[in-house]
Amino acid sequence: MSGLFHGTPLERPVTCEHCAQPVSECACPRDAAGELCLPKDQPARVRREKRRGKWTTVVTGLDATATDLPPLLKQLRASLGAGGTTTADGLELQGDHREKVLARLQALGYPAKQAGG
């Protein structure tokens, strides 16, 4: 990608609008289209479902590309002492952990809300 005033003595690299670093060095989360996608822009919904007689906590609304889901899942599983998996549209954790997951996501900057009953 060429920078501002490409080919002139005033040439400057294209910078990130959030951290002001050159885009090649920027570590800000981006979605699949390359747009900036911060945690505050991803409204997470946390609900519980009963599957085969057991409760499952389901987190949806997270961008799979911008949010690195496997490390987030690993943090949640370790703090809750529960198993879980990533899906195409979010995370699934074994057991009813809605309040703890909500608190953890809100602490990370996600506008998480409880969904369902």
PDB file of N, CA and C in Angstrom:
ATOM      1  N   MET A   1       0.848  -1.164   0.000  1.00  0.00           N
ATOM      2  CA  MET A   1       0.000   0.000   0.000  1.00  0.00           C
ATOM      3  C   MET A   1       0.893   1.224   0.000  1.00  0.00           C
ATOM      4  N   SER A   2       0.644   2.156  -0.890  1.00  0.00           N
ATOM      5  CA  SER A   2       1.465   3.357  -0.956  1.00  0.00           C
ATOM      6  C   SER A   2       1.001   4.351   0.104  1.00  0.00           C
ATOM      7  N   GLY A   3       1.908   5.205   0.521  1.00  0.00           N
ATOM      8  CA  GLY A   3       1.601   6.165   1.569  1.00  0.00           C
ATOM      9  C   GLY A   3       1.116   7.487   1.012  1.00  0.00           C
ATOM     10  N   LEU A   4       0.924   8.399   1.897  1.00  0.00           N
ATOM     11  CA  LEU A   4       0.493   9.739   1.548  1.00  0.00           C
ATOM     12  C   LEU A   4       1.605  10.440   0.783  1.00  0.00           C
ATOM     13  N   PHE A   5       1.270  11.107  -0.297  1.00  0.00           N
ATOM     14  CA  PHE A   5       2.228  11.806  -1.164  1.00  0.00           C
ATOM     15  C   PHE A   5       3.266  10.837  -1.728  1.00  0.00           C
ATOM     16  N   HIS A   6       2.805   9.688  -2.211  1.00  0.00           N
ATOM     17  CA  HIS A   6       3.683   8.648  -2.721  1.00  0.00           C
ATOM     18  C   HIS A   6       4.574   9.183  -3.850  1.00  0.00           C
ATOM     19  N   GLY A   7       5.864   8.936  -3.738  1.00  0.00           N
ATOM     20  CA  GLY A   7       6.817   9.339  -4.767  1.00  0.00           C
ATOM     21  C   GLY A   7       7.353  10.745  -4.623  1.00  0.00           C
ATOM     22  N   THR A   8       7.023  11.426  -3.538  1.00  0.00           N
ATOM     23  CA  THR A   8       7.529  12.785  -3.318  1.00  0.00           C
ATOM     24  C   THR A   8       8.374  12.793  -2.048  1.00  0.00           C
ATOM     25  N   PRO A   9       9.115  13.864  -1.813  1.00  0.00           N
ATOM     26  CA  PRO A   9       9.898  13.946  -0.574  1.00  0.00           C
ATOM     27  C   PRO A   9       9.014  14.008   0.681  1.00  0.00           C
ATOM     28  N   LEU A  10       7.722  14.299   0.518  1.00  0.00           N
ATOM     29  CA  LEU A  10       6.812  14.392   1.664  1.00  0.00           C
ATOM     30  C   LEU A  10       6.094  13.074   1.964  1.00  0.00           C
ATOM     31  N   GLU A  11       6.541  12.005   1.348  1.00  0.00           N
ATOM     32  CA  GLU A  11       5.858  10.728   1.499  1.00  0.00           C
ATOM     33  C   GLU A  11       5.855  10.268   2.958  1.00  0.00           C
ATOM     34  N   ARG A  12       4.670   9.847   3.422  1.00  0.00           N
ATOM     35  CA  ARG A  12       4.503   9.302   4.768  1.00  0.00           C
ATOM     36  C   ARG A  12       3.730   7.995   4.670  1.00  0.00           C
ATOM     37  N   PRO A  13       4.024   7.026   5.538  1.00  0.00           N
ATOM     38  CA  PRO A  13       3.291   5.755   5.476  1.00  0.00           C
ATOM     39  C   PRO A  13       1.852   5.930   5.982  1.00  0.00           C
ATOM     40  N   VAL A  14       0.990   5.059   5.548  1.00  0.00           N
ATOM     41  CA  VAL A  14      -0.391   5.057   6.029  1.00  0.00           C
ATOM     42  C   VAL A  14      -0.380   4.571   7.465  1.00  0.00           C
ATOM     43  N   THR A  15      -1.077   5.291   8.358  1.00  0.00           N
ATOM     44  CA  THR A  15      -1.070   4.949   9.776  1.00  0.00           C
ATOM     45  C   THR A  15      -2.443   4.486  10.238  1.00  0.00           C
ATOM     46  N   CYS A  16      -2.455   3.769  11.350  1.00  0.00           N
ATOM     47  CA  CYS A  16      -3.687   3.298  11.972  1.00  0.00           C
ATOM     48  C   CYS A  16      -4.387   4.479  12.630  1.00  0.00           C
ATOM     49  N   GLU A  17      -5.696   4.555  12.484  1.00  0.00           N
ATOM     50  CA  GLU A  17      -6.443   5.667  13.068  1.00  0.00           C
ATOM     51  C   GLU A  17      -6.583   5.552  14.584  1.00  0.00           C
ATOM     52  N   HIS A  18      -6.301   4.370  15.142  1.00  0.00           N
ATOM     53  CA  HIS A  18      -6.439   4.183  16.585  1.00  0.00           C
ATOM     54  C   HIS A  18      -5.117   4.382  17.338  1.00  0.00           C
ATOM     55  N   CYS A  19      -4.052   3.759  16.855  1.00  0.00           N
ATOM     56  CA  CYS A  19      -2.781   3.807  17.589  1.00  0.00           C
ATOM     57  C   CYS A  19      -1.732   4.689  16.924  1.00  0.00           C
ATOM     58  N   ALA A  20      -1.995   5.205  15.730  1.00  0.00           N
ATOM     59  CA  ALA A  20      -1.102   6.100  14.988  1.00  0.00           C
ATOM     60  C   ALA A  20       0.219   5.436  14.577  1.00  0.00           C
ATOM     61  N   GLN A  21       0.287   4.122  14.599  1.00  0.00           N
ATOM     62  CA  GLN A  21       1.454   3.381  14.122  1.00  0.00           C
ATOM     63  C   GLN A  21       1.279   3.123  12.628  1.00  0.00           C
ATOM     64  N   PRO A  22       2.371   2.906  11.893  1.00  0.00           N
ATOM     65  CA  PRO A  22       2.212   2.490  10.497  1.00  0.00           C
ATOM     66  C   PRO A  22       1.395   1.197  10.433  1.00  0.00           C
ATOM     67  N   VAL A  23       0.553   1.073   9.435  1.00  0.00           N
ATOM     68  CA  VAL A  23      -0.356  -0.067   9.342  1.00  0.00           C
ATOM     69  C   VAL A  23       0.409  -1.395   9.352  1.00  0.00           C
ATOM     70  N   SER A  24       1.603  -1.416   8.790  1.00  0.00           N
ATOM     71  CA  SER A  24       2.381  -2.658   8.779  1.00  0.00           C
ATOM     72  C   SER A  24       2.838  -3.069  10.176  1.00  0.00           C
ATOM     73  N   GLU A  25       2.938  -2.120  11.114  1.00  0.00           N
ATOM     74  CA  GLU A  25       3.381  -2.408  12.480  1.00  0.00           C
ATOM     75  C   GLU A  25       2.237  -2.413  13.486  1.00  0.00           C
ATOM     76  N   CYS A  26       1.025  -2.082  13.050  1.00  0.00           N
ATOM     77  CA  CYS A  26      -0.129  -1.957  13.933  1.00  0.00           C
ATOM     78  C   CYS A  26      -0.571  -3.329  14.445  1.00  0.00           C
ATOM     79  N   ALA A  27      -0.903  -3.404  15.730  1.00  0.00           N
ATOM     80  CA  ALA A  27      -1.381  -4.648  16.327  1.00  0.00           C
ATOM     81  C   ALA A  27      -2.843  -4.536  16.751  1.00  0.00           C
ATOM     82  N   CYS A  28      -3.550  -3.519  16.290  1.00  0.00           N
ATOM     83  CA  CYS A  28      -4.960  -3.339  16.633  1.00  0.00           C
ATOM     84  C   CYS A  28      -5.798  -4.436  15.984  1.00  0.00           C
ATOM     85  N   PRO A  29      -6.877  -4.876  16.663  1.00  0.00           N
ATOM     86  CA  PRO A  29      -7.718  -5.936  16.090  1.00  0.00           C
ATOM     87  C   PRO A  29      -8.473  -5.446  14.863  1.00  0.00           C
ATOM     88  N   ARG A  30      -8.460  -6.251  13.821  1.00  0.00           N
ATOM     89  CA  ARG A  30      -9.146  -5.906  12.569  1.00  0.00           C
ATOM     90  C   ARG A  30     -10.022  -7.066  12.139  1.00  0.00           C
ATOM     91  N   ASP A  31     -11.139  -6.733  11.485  1.00  0.00           N
ATOM     92  CA  ASP A  31     -12.045  -7.771  11.002  1.00  0.00           C
ATOM     93  C   ASP A  31     -11.552  -8.327   9.671  1.00  0.00           C
ATOM     94  N   ALA A  32     -12.326  -9.191   9.055  1.00  0.00           N
ATOM     95  CA  ALA A  32     -11.911  -9.853   7.818  1.00  0.00           C
ATOM     96  C   ALA A  32     -11.715  -8.864   6.673  1.00  0.00           C
ATOM     97  N   ALA A  33     -12.429  -7.736   6.698  1.00  0.00           N
ATOM     98  CA  ALA A  33     -12.303  -6.727   5.644  1.00  0.00           C
ATOM     99  C   ALA A  33     -11.134  -5.788   5.888  1.00  0.00           C
ATOM    100  N   GLY A  34     -10.455  -5.918   7.015  1.00  0.00           N
ATOM    101  CA  GLY A  34      -9.317  -5.061   7.330  1.00  0.00           C
ATOM    102  C   GLY A  34      -9.697  -3.806   8.085  1.00  0.00           C
ATOM    103  N   GLU A  35     -10.969  -3.663   8.453  1.00  0.00           N
ATOM    104  CA  GLU A  35     -11.427  -2.497   9.208  1.00  0.00           C
ATOM    105  C   GLU A  35     -11.123  -2.690  10.694  1.00  0.00           C
ATOM    106  N   LEU A  36     -10.866  -1.586  11.373  1.00  0.00           N
ATOM    107  CA  LEU A  36     -10.595  -1.603  12.803  1.00  0.00           C
ATOM    108  C   LEU A  36     -11.835  -2.088  13.543  1.00  0.00           C
ATOM    109  N   CYS A  37     -11.694  -3.058  14.430  1.00  0.00           N
ATOM    110  CA  CYS A  37     -12.826  -3.650  15.155  1.00  0.00           C
ATOM    111  C   CYS A  37     -12.414  -3.847  16.612  1.00  0.00           C
ATOM    112  N   LEU A  38     -12.604  -2.824  17.434  1.00  0.00           N
ATOM    113  CA  LEU A  38     -12.228  -2.857  18.839  1.00  0.00           C
ATOM    114  C   LEU A  38     -13.248  -3.648  19.654  1.00  0.00           C
ATOM    115  N   PRO A  39     -12.879  -4.102  20.853  1.00  0.00           N
ATOM    116  CA  PRO A  39     -13.839  -4.832  21.689  1.00  0.00           C
ATOM    117  C   PRO A  39     -15.110  -4.033  21.975  1.00  0.00           C
ATOM    118  N   LYS A  40     -15.007  -2.715  22.123  1.00  0.00           N
ATOM    119  CA  LYS A  40     -16.198  -1.913  22.427  1.00  0.00           C
ATOM    120  C   LYS A  40     -17.195  -1.896  21.266  1.00  0.00           C
ATOM    121  N   ASP A  41     -16.761  -2.301  20.074  1.00  0.00           N
ATOM    122  CA  ASP A  41     -17.629  -2.334  18.900  1.00  0.00           C
ATOM    123  C   ASP A  41     -18.240  -3.715  18.656  1.00  0.00           C
ATOM    124  N   GLN A  42     -18.030  -4.653  19.573  1.00  0.00           N
ATOM    125  CA  GLN A  42     -18.527  -6.019  19.408  1.00  0.00           C
ATOM    126  C   GLN A  42     -19.489  -6.342  20.552  1.00  0.00           C
ATOM    127  N   PRO A  43     -20.788  -6.135  20.352  1.00  0.00           N
ATOM    128  CA  PRO A  43     -21.749  -6.396  21.430  1.00  0.00           C
ATOM    129  C   PRO A  43     -21.943  -7.900  21.656  1.00  0.00           C
ATOM    130  N   ALA A  44     -21.327  -8.416  22.680  1.00  0.00           N
ATOM    131  CA  ALA A  44     -21.414  -9.845  22.989  1.00  0.00           C
ATOM    132  C   ALA A  44     -22.719 -10.136  23.728  1.00  0.00           C
ATOM    133  N   ARG A  45     -23.316 -11.281  23.425  1.00  0.00           N
ATOM    134  CA  ARG A  45     -24.518 -11.739  24.106  1.00  0.00           C
ATOM    135  C   ARG A  45     -24.203 -13.076  24.760  1.00  0.00           C
ATOM    136  N   VAL A  46     -24.542 -13.182  26.041  1.00  0.00           N
ATOM    137  CA  VAL A  46     -24.249 -14.392  26.807  1.00  0.00           C
ATOM    138  C   VAL A  46     -25.582 -15.004  27.230  1.00  0.00           C
ATOM    139  N   ARG A  47     -25.808 -16.251  26.841  1.00  0.00           N
ATOM    140  CA  ARG A  47     -27.034 -16.937  27.208  1.00  0.00           C
ATOM    141  C   ARG A  47     -26.706 -18.356  27.653  1.00  0.00           C
ATOM    142  N   ARG A  48     -27.676 -19.004  28.245  1.00  0.00           N
ATOM    143  CA  ARG A  48     -27.488 -20.399  28.619  1.00  0.00           C
ATOM    144  C   ARG A  48     -28.540 -21.241  27.915  1.00  0.00           C
ATOM    145  N   GLU A  49     -28.155 -22.440  27.581  1.00  0.00           N
ATOM    146  CA  GLU A  49     -29.044 -23.384  26.911  1.00  0.00           C
ATOM    147  C   GLU A  49     -28.942 -24.721  27.626  1.00  0.00           C
ATOM    148  N   LYS A  50     -30.027 -25.446  27.597  1.00  0.00           N
ATOM    149  CA  LYS A  50     -30.008 -26.784  28.169  1.00  0.00           C
ATOM    150  C   LYS A  50     -29.845 -27.773  27.029  1.00  0.00           C
ATOM    151  N   ARG A  51     -28.758 -28.500  27.063  1.00  0.00           N
ATOM    152  CA  ARG A  51     -28.459 -29.485  26.026  1.00  0.00           C
ATOM    153  C   ARG A  51     -28.243 -30.841  26.675  1.00  0.00           C
ATOM    154  N   ARG A  52     -29.024 -31.798  26.249  1.00  0.00           N
ATOM    155  CA  ARG A  52     -28.964 -33.159  26.794  1.00  0.00           C
ATOM    156  C   ARG A  52     -29.023 -33.162  28.322  1.00  0.00           C
ATOM    157  N   GLY A  53     -29.854 -32.294  28.879  1.00  0.00           N
ATOM    158  CA  GLY A  53     -30.055 -32.257  30.321  1.00  0.00           C
ATOM    159  C   GLY A  53     -29.034 -31.457  31.097  1.00  0.00           C
ATOM    160  N   LYS A  54     -28.053 -30.845  30.428  1.00  0.00           N
ATOM    161  CA  LYS A  54     -27.017 -30.082  31.121  1.00  0.00           C
ATOM    162  C   LYS A  54     -26.978 -28.661  30.570  1.00  0.00           C
ATOM    163  N   TRP A  55     -26.564 -27.715  31.418  1.00  0.00           N
ATOM    164  CA  TRP A  55     -26.484 -26.321  31.006  1.00  0.00           C
ATOM    165  C   TRP A  55     -25.214 -26.050  30.206  1.00  0.00           C
ATOM    166  N   THR A  56     -25.355 -25.204  29.211  1.00  0.00           N
ATOM    167  CA  THR A  56     -24.234 -24.761  28.389  1.00  0.00           C
ATOM    168  C   THR A  56     -24.313 -23.246  28.290  1.00  0.00           C
ATOM    169  N   THR A  57     -23.210 -22.558  28.521  1.00  0.00           N
ATOM    170  CA  THR A  57     -23.147 -21.111  28.373  1.00  0.00           C
ATOM    171  C   THR A  57     -22.663 -20.803  26.966  1.00  0.00           C
ATOM    172  N   VAL A  58     -23.430 -19.986  26.241  1.00  0.00           N
ATOM    173  CA  VAL A  58     -23.140 -19.676  24.844  1.00  0.00           C
ATOM    174  C   VAL A  58     -22.870 -18.181  24.716  1.00  0.00           C
ATOM    175  N   VAL A  59     -21.744 -17.818  24.113  1.00  0.00           N
ATOM    176  CA  VAL A  59     -21.375 -16.427  23.874  1.00  0.00           C
ATOM    177  C   VAL A  59     -21.409 -16.188  22.366  1.00  0.00           C
ATOM    178  N   THR A  60     -22.207 -15.213  21.924  1.00  0.00           N
ATOM    179  CA  THR A  60     -22.301 -14.878  20.511  1.00  0.00           C
ATOM    180  C   THR A  60     -22.051 -13.387  20.335  1.00  0.00           C
ATOM    181  N   GLY A  61     -21.868 -12.968  19.091  1.00  0.00           N
ATOM    182  CA  GLY A  61     -21.696 -11.550  18.790  1.00  0.00           C
ATOM    183  C   GLY A  61     -20.251 -11.106  18.701  1.00  0.00           C
ATOM    184  N   LEU A  62     -19.309 -12.012  18.868  1.00  0.00           N
ATOM    185  CA  LEU A  62     -17.897 -11.665  18.776  1.00  0.00           C
ATOM    186  C   LEU A  62     -17.406 -11.896  17.349  1.00  0.00           C
ATOM    187  N   ASP A  63     -16.604 -10.980  16.842  1.00  0.00           N
ATOM    188  CA  ASP A  63     -16.026 -11.131  15.507  1.00  0.00           C
ATOM    189  C   ASP A  63     -14.876 -12.133  15.611  1.00  0.00           C
ATOM    190  N   ALA A  64     -14.992 -13.235  14.897  1.00  0.00           N
ATOM    191  CA  ALA A  64     -14.005 -14.318  14.999  1.00  0.00           C
ATOM    192  C   ALA A  64     -12.635 -13.904  14.490  1.00  0.00           C
ATOM    193  N   THR A  65     -12.572 -12.948  13.567  1.00  0.00           N
ATOM    194  CA  THR A  65     -11.290 -12.523  13.023  1.00  0.00           C
ATOM    195  C   THR A  65     -10.632 -11.485  13.926  1.00  0.00           C
ATOM    196  N   ALA A  66     -11.398 -10.497  14.365  1.00  0.00           N
ATOM    197  CA  ALA A  66     -10.846  -9.424  15.192  1.00  0.00           C
ATOM    198  C   ALA A  66     -10.534  -9.906  16.605  1.00  0.00           C
ATOM    199  N   THR A  67     -11.394 -10.741  17.157  1.00  0.00           N
ATOM    200  CA  THR A  67     -11.183 -11.294  18.486  1.00  0.00           C
ATOM    201  C   THR A  67     -10.528 -12.642  18.317  1.00  0.00           C
ATOM    202  N   ASP A  68      -9.373 -12.820  18.884  1.00  0.00           N
ATOM    203  CA  ASP A  68      -8.689 -14.102  18.796  1.00  0.00           C
ATOM    204  C   ASP A  68      -9.404 -15.052  19.759  1.00  0.00           C
ATOM    205  N   LEU A  69     -10.355 -15.818  19.245  1.00  0.00           N
ATOM    206  CA  LEU A  69     -11.228 -16.631  20.089  1.00  0.00           C
ATOM    207  C   LEU A  69     -10.526 -17.745  20.871  1.00  0.00           C
ATOM    208  N   PRO A  70      -9.584 -18.504  20.299  1.00  0.00           N
ATOM    209  CA  PRO A  70      -8.970 -19.576  21.099  1.00  0.00           C
ATOM    210  C   PRO A  70      -8.276 -19.094  22.387  1.00  0.00           C
ATOM    211  N   PRO A  71      -7.476 -18.014  22.365  1.00  0.00           N
ATOM    212  CA  PRO A  71      -6.905 -17.556  23.642  1.00  0.00           C
ATOM    213  C   PRO A  71      -7.960 -17.044  24.628  1.00  0.00           C
ATOM    214  N   LEU A  72      -9.016 -16.391  24.118  1.00  0.00           N
ATOM    215  CA  LEU A  72     -10.092 -15.932  24.992  1.00  0.00           C
ATOM    216  C   LEU A  72     -10.791 -17.121  25.625  1.00  0.00           C
ATOM    217  N   LEU A  73     -11.050 -18.150  24.838  1.00  0.00           N
ATOM    218  CA  LEU A  73     -11.676 -19.359  25.369  1.00  0.00           C
ATOM    219  C   LEU A  73     -10.780 -20.017  26.408  1.00  0.00           C
ATOM    220  N   LYS A  74      -9.501 -20.031  26.157  1.00  0.00           N
ATOM    221  CA  LYS A  74      -8.556 -20.641  27.104  1.00  0.00           C
ATOM    222  C   LYS A  74      -8.581 -19.899  28.440  1.00  0.00           C
ATOM    223  N   GLN A  75      -8.626 -18.561  28.390  1.00  0.00           N
ATOM    224  CA  GLN A  75      -8.716 -17.767  29.625  1.00  0.00           C
ATOM    225  C   GLN A  75      -9.998 -18.088  30.388  1.00  0.00           C
ATOM    226  N   LEU A  76     -11.115 -18.135  29.671  1.00  0.00           N
ATOM    227  CA  LEU A  76     -12.396 -18.406  30.321  1.00  0.00           C
ATOM    228  C   LEU A  76     -12.439 -19.812  30.908  1.00  0.00           C
ATOM    229  N   ARG A  77     -11.958 -20.790  30.155  1.00  0.00           N
ATOM    230  CA  ARG A  77     -11.962 -22.168  30.661  1.00  0.00           C
ATOM    231  C   ARG A  77     -11.101 -22.290  31.908  1.00  0.00           C
ATOM    232  N   ALA A  78      -9.946 -21.639  31.908  1.00  0.00           N
ATOM    233  CA  ALA A  78      -9.051 -21.728  33.070  1.00  0.00           C
ATOM    234  C   ALA A  78      -9.669 -21.051  34.291  1.00  0.00           C
ATOM    235  N   SER A  79     -10.292 -19.892  34.096  1.00  0.00           N
ATOM    236  CA  SER A  79     -10.860 -19.174  35.240  1.00  0.00           C
ATOM    237  C   SER A  79     -12.124 -19.846  35.770  1.00  0.00           C
ATOM    238  N   LEU A  80     -12.860 -20.547  34.909  1.00  0.00           N
ATOM    239  CA  LEU A  80     -14.101 -21.192  35.326  1.00  0.00           C
ATOM    240  C   LEU A  80     -13.909 -22.653  35.714  1.00  0.00           C
ATOM    241  N   GLY A  81     -12.820 -23.251  35.282  1.00  0.00           N
ATOM    242  CA  GLY A  81     -12.607 -24.666  35.547  1.00  0.00           C
ATOM    243  C   GLY A  81     -13.604 -25.530  34.789  1.00  0.00           C
ATOM    244  N   ALA A  82     -13.879 -25.127  33.555  1.00  0.00           N
ATOM    245  CA  ALA A  82     -14.867 -25.839  32.747  1.00  0.00           C
ATOM    246  C   ALA A  82     -14.318 -26.075  31.353  1.00  0.00           C
ATOM    247  N   GLY A  83     -14.933 -26.989  30.645  1.00  0.00           N
ATOM    248  CA  GLY A  83     -14.554 -27.252  29.261  1.00  0.00           C
ATOM    249  C   GLY A  83     -15.308 -26.317  28.334  1.00  0.00           C
ATOM    250  N   GLY A  84     -14.893 -26.291  27.096  1.00  0.00           N
ATOM    251  CA  GLY A  84     -15.578 -25.441  26.137  1.00  0.00           C
ATOM    252  C   GLY A  84     -14.981 -25.581  24.757  1.00  0.00           C
ATOM    253  N   THR A  85     -15.608 -24.910  23.788  1.00  0.00           N
ATOM    254  CA  THR A  85     -15.154 -24.965  22.410  1.00  0.00           C
ATOM    255  C   THR A  85     -15.503 -23.673  21.695  1.00  0.00           C
ATOM    256  N   THR A  86     -14.826 -23.443  20.580  1.00  0.00           N
ATOM    257  CA  THR A  86     -15.171 -22.310  19.730  1.00  0.00           C
ATOM    258  C   THR A  86     -16.109 -22.811  18.632  1.00  0.00           C
ATOM    259  N   THR A  87     -17.004 -21.951  18.204  1.00  0.00           N
ATOM    260  CA  THR A  87     -17.905 -22.258  17.104  1.00  0.00           C
ATOM    261  C   THR A  87     -17.740 -21.181  16.051  1.00  0.00           C
ATOM    262  N   ALA A  88     -18.471 -21.305  14.969  1.00  0.00           N
ATOM    263  CA  ALA A  88     -18.376 -20.333  13.885  1.00  0.00           C
ATOM    264  C   ALA A  88     -18.835 -18.947  14.321  1.00  0.00           C
ATOM    265  N   ASP A  89     -19.753 -18.873  15.278  1.00  0.00           N
ATOM    266  CA  ASP A  89     -20.288 -17.578  15.693  1.00  0.00           C
ATOM    267  C   ASP A  89     -20.018 -17.239  17.153  1.00  0.00           C
ATOM    268  N   GLY A  90     -19.109 -17.924  17.830  1.00  0.00           N
ATOM    269  CA  GLY A  90     -18.810 -17.572  19.210  1.00  0.00           C
ATOM    270  C   GLY A  90     -18.152 -18.682  19.999  1.00  0.00           C
ATOM    271  N   LEU A  91     -18.507 -18.727  21.296  1.00  0.00           N
ATOM    272  CA  LEU A  91     -17.920 -19.684  22.226  1.00  0.00           C
ATOM    273  C   LEU A  91     -19.013 -20.477  22.924  1.00  0.00           C
ATOM    274  N   GLU A  92     -18.682 -21.682  23.339  1.00  0.00           N
ATOM    275  CA  GLU A  92     -19.572 -22.501  24.144  1.00  0.00           C
ATOM    276  C   GLU A  92     -18.776 -23.028  25.327  1.00  0.00           C
ATOM    277  N   LEU A  93     -19.333 -22.869  26.528  1.00  0.00           N
ATOM    278  CA  LEU A  93     -18.690 -23.347  27.747  1.00  0.00           C
ATOM    279  C   LEU A  93     -19.627 -24.301  28.465  1.00  0.00           C
ATOM    280  N   GLN A  94     -19.070 -25.338  29.063  1.00  0.00           N
ATOM    281  CA  GLN A  94     -19.879 -26.310  29.783  1.00  0.00           C
ATOM    282  C   GLN A  94     -20.279 -25.735  31.129  1.00  0.00           C
ATOM    283  N   GLY A  95     -21.566 -25.805  31.436  1.00  0.00           N
ATOM    284  CA  GLY A  95     -22.079 -25.335  32.715  1.00  0.00           C
ATOM    285  C   GLY A  95     -22.721 -23.957  32.599  1.00  0.00           C
ATOM    286  N   ASP A  96     -23.420 -23.570  33.676  1.00  0.00           N
ATOM    287  CA  ASP A  96     -24.090 -22.273  33.733  1.00  0.00           C
ATOM    288  C   ASP A  96     -23.140 -21.264  34.389  1.00  0.00           C
ATOM    289  N   HIS A  97     -22.444 -20.483  33.572  1.00  0.00           N
ATOM    290  CA  HIS A  97     -21.462 -19.523  34.063  1.00  0.00           C
ATOM    291  C   HIS A  97     -21.759 -18.115  33.540  1.00  0.00           C
ATOM    292  N   ARG A  98     -23.031 -17.788  33.328  1.00  0.00           N
ATOM    293  CA  ARG A  98     -23.384 -16.512  32.700  1.00  0.00           C
ATOM    294  C   ARG A  98     -22.808 -15.306  33.430  1.00  0.00           C
ATOM    295  N   GLU A  99     -22.999 -15.228  34.724  1.00  0.00           N
ATOM    296  CA  GLU A  99     -22.569 -14.041  35.474  1.00  0.00           C
ATOM    297  C   GLU A  99     -21.054 -13.874  35.433  1.00  0.00           C
ATOM    298  N   LYS A 100     -20.331 -14.960  35.596  1.00  0.00           N
ATOM    299  CA  LYS A 100     -18.862 -14.888  35.584  1.00  0.00           C
ATOM    300  C   LYS A 100     -18.332 -14.523  34.200  1.00  0.00           C
ATOM    301  N   VAL A 101     -18.935 -15.091  33.155  1.00  0.00           N
ATOM    302  CA  VAL A 101     -18.509 -14.781  31.788  1.00  0.00           C
ATOM    303  C   VAL A 101     -18.834 -13.326  31.461  1.00  0.00           C
ATOM    304  N   LEU A 102     -20.025 -12.855  31.873  1.00  0.00           N
ATOM    305  CA  LEU A 102     -20.384 -11.450  31.666  1.00  0.00           C
ATOM    306  C   LEU A 102     -19.373 -10.521  32.327  1.00  0.00           C
ATOM    307  N   ALA A 103     -19.039 -10.803  33.566  1.00  0.00           N
ATOM    308  CA  ALA A 103     -18.088  -9.956  34.296  1.00  0.00           C
ATOM    309  C   ALA A 103     -16.723  -9.966  33.623  1.00  0.00           C
ATOM    310  N   ARG A 104     -16.286 -11.130  33.173  1.00  0.00           N
ATOM    311  CA  ARG A 104     -14.971 -11.249  32.532  1.00  0.00           C
ATOM    312  C   ARG A 104     -14.922 -10.494  31.200  1.00  0.00           C
ATOM    313  N   LEU A 105     -15.975 -10.635  30.373  1.00  0.00           N
ATOM    314  CA  LEU A 105     -16.018  -9.935  29.091  1.00  0.00           C
ATOM    315  C   LEU A 105     -16.101  -8.419  29.286  1.00  0.00           C
ATOM    316  N   GLN A 106     -16.880  -7.975  30.248  1.00  0.00           N
ATOM    317  CA  GLN A 106     -16.981  -6.540  30.521  1.00  0.00           C
ATOM    318  C   GLN A 106     -15.654  -5.986  31.018  1.00  0.00           C
ATOM    319  N   ALA A 107     -14.915  -6.771  31.785  1.00  0.00           N
ATOM    320  CA  ALA A 107     -13.593  -6.336  32.248  1.00  0.00           C
ATOM    321  C   ALA A 107     -12.613  -6.209  31.080  1.00  0.00           C
ATOM    322  N   LEU A 108     -12.821  -7.010  30.025  1.00  0.00           N
ATOM    323  CA  LEU A 108     -11.957  -6.941  28.838  1.00  0.00           C
ATOM    324  C   LEU A 108     -12.383  -5.840  27.877  1.00  0.00           C
ATOM    325  N   GLY A 109     -13.491  -5.159  28.158  1.00  0.00           N
ATOM    326  CA  GLY A 109     -13.928  -4.032  27.329  1.00  0.00           C
ATOM    327  C   GLY A 109     -15.056  -4.335  26.365  1.00  0.00           C
ATOM    328  N   TYR A 110     -15.624  -5.521  26.416  1.00  0.00           N
ATOM    329  CA  TYR A 110     -16.746  -5.861  25.536  1.00  0.00           C
ATOM    330  C   TYR A 110     -18.046  -5.393  26.172  1.00  0.00           C
ATOM    331  N   PRO A 111     -18.966  -4.789  25.404  1.00  0.00           N
ATOM    332  CA  PRO A 111     -20.268  -4.422  25.968  1.00  0.00           C
ATOM    333  C   PRO A 111     -21.177  -5.659  26.023  1.00  0.00           C
ATOM    334  N   ALA A 112     -20.901  -6.546  26.938  1.00  0.00           N
ATOM    335  CA  ALA A 112     -21.622  -7.818  27.025  1.00  0.00           C
ATOM    336  C   ALA A 112     -22.922  -7.661  27.783  1.00  0.00           C
ATOM    337  N   LYS A 113     -23.941  -8.355  27.304  1.00  0.00           N
ATOM    338  CA  LYS A 113     -25.245  -8.361  27.951  1.00  0.00           C
ATOM    339  C   LYS A 113     -25.746  -9.789  28.044  1.00  0.00           C
ATOM    340  N   GLN A 114     -26.624  -9.992  29.019  1.00  0.00           N
ATOM    341  CA  GLN A 114     -27.238 -11.305  29.168  1.00  0.00           C
ATOM    342  C   GLN A 114     -28.391 -11.411  28.173  1.00  0.00           C
ATOM    343  N   ALA A 115     -28.508 -12.537  27.535  1.00  0.00           N
ATOM    344  CA  ALA A 115     -29.595 -12.771  26.586  1.00  0.00           C
ATOM    345  C   ALA A 115     -30.391 -13.988  27.041  1.00  0.00           C
ATOM    346  N   GLY A 116     -31.651 -14.025  26.670  1.00  0.00           N
ATOM    347  CA  GLY A 116     -32.479 -15.178  27.020  1.00  0.00           C
ATOM    348  C   GLY A 116     -32.940 -15.127  28.452  1.00  0.00           C
ATOM    349  N   GLY A 117     -33.439 -16.274  28.936  1.00  0.00           N
ATOM    350  CA  GLY A 117     -34.037 -16.311  30.269  1.00  0.00           C
ATOM    351  C   GLY A 117     -33.223 -16.902  31.288  1.00  0.00           C
TER     352      GLY A 117
END
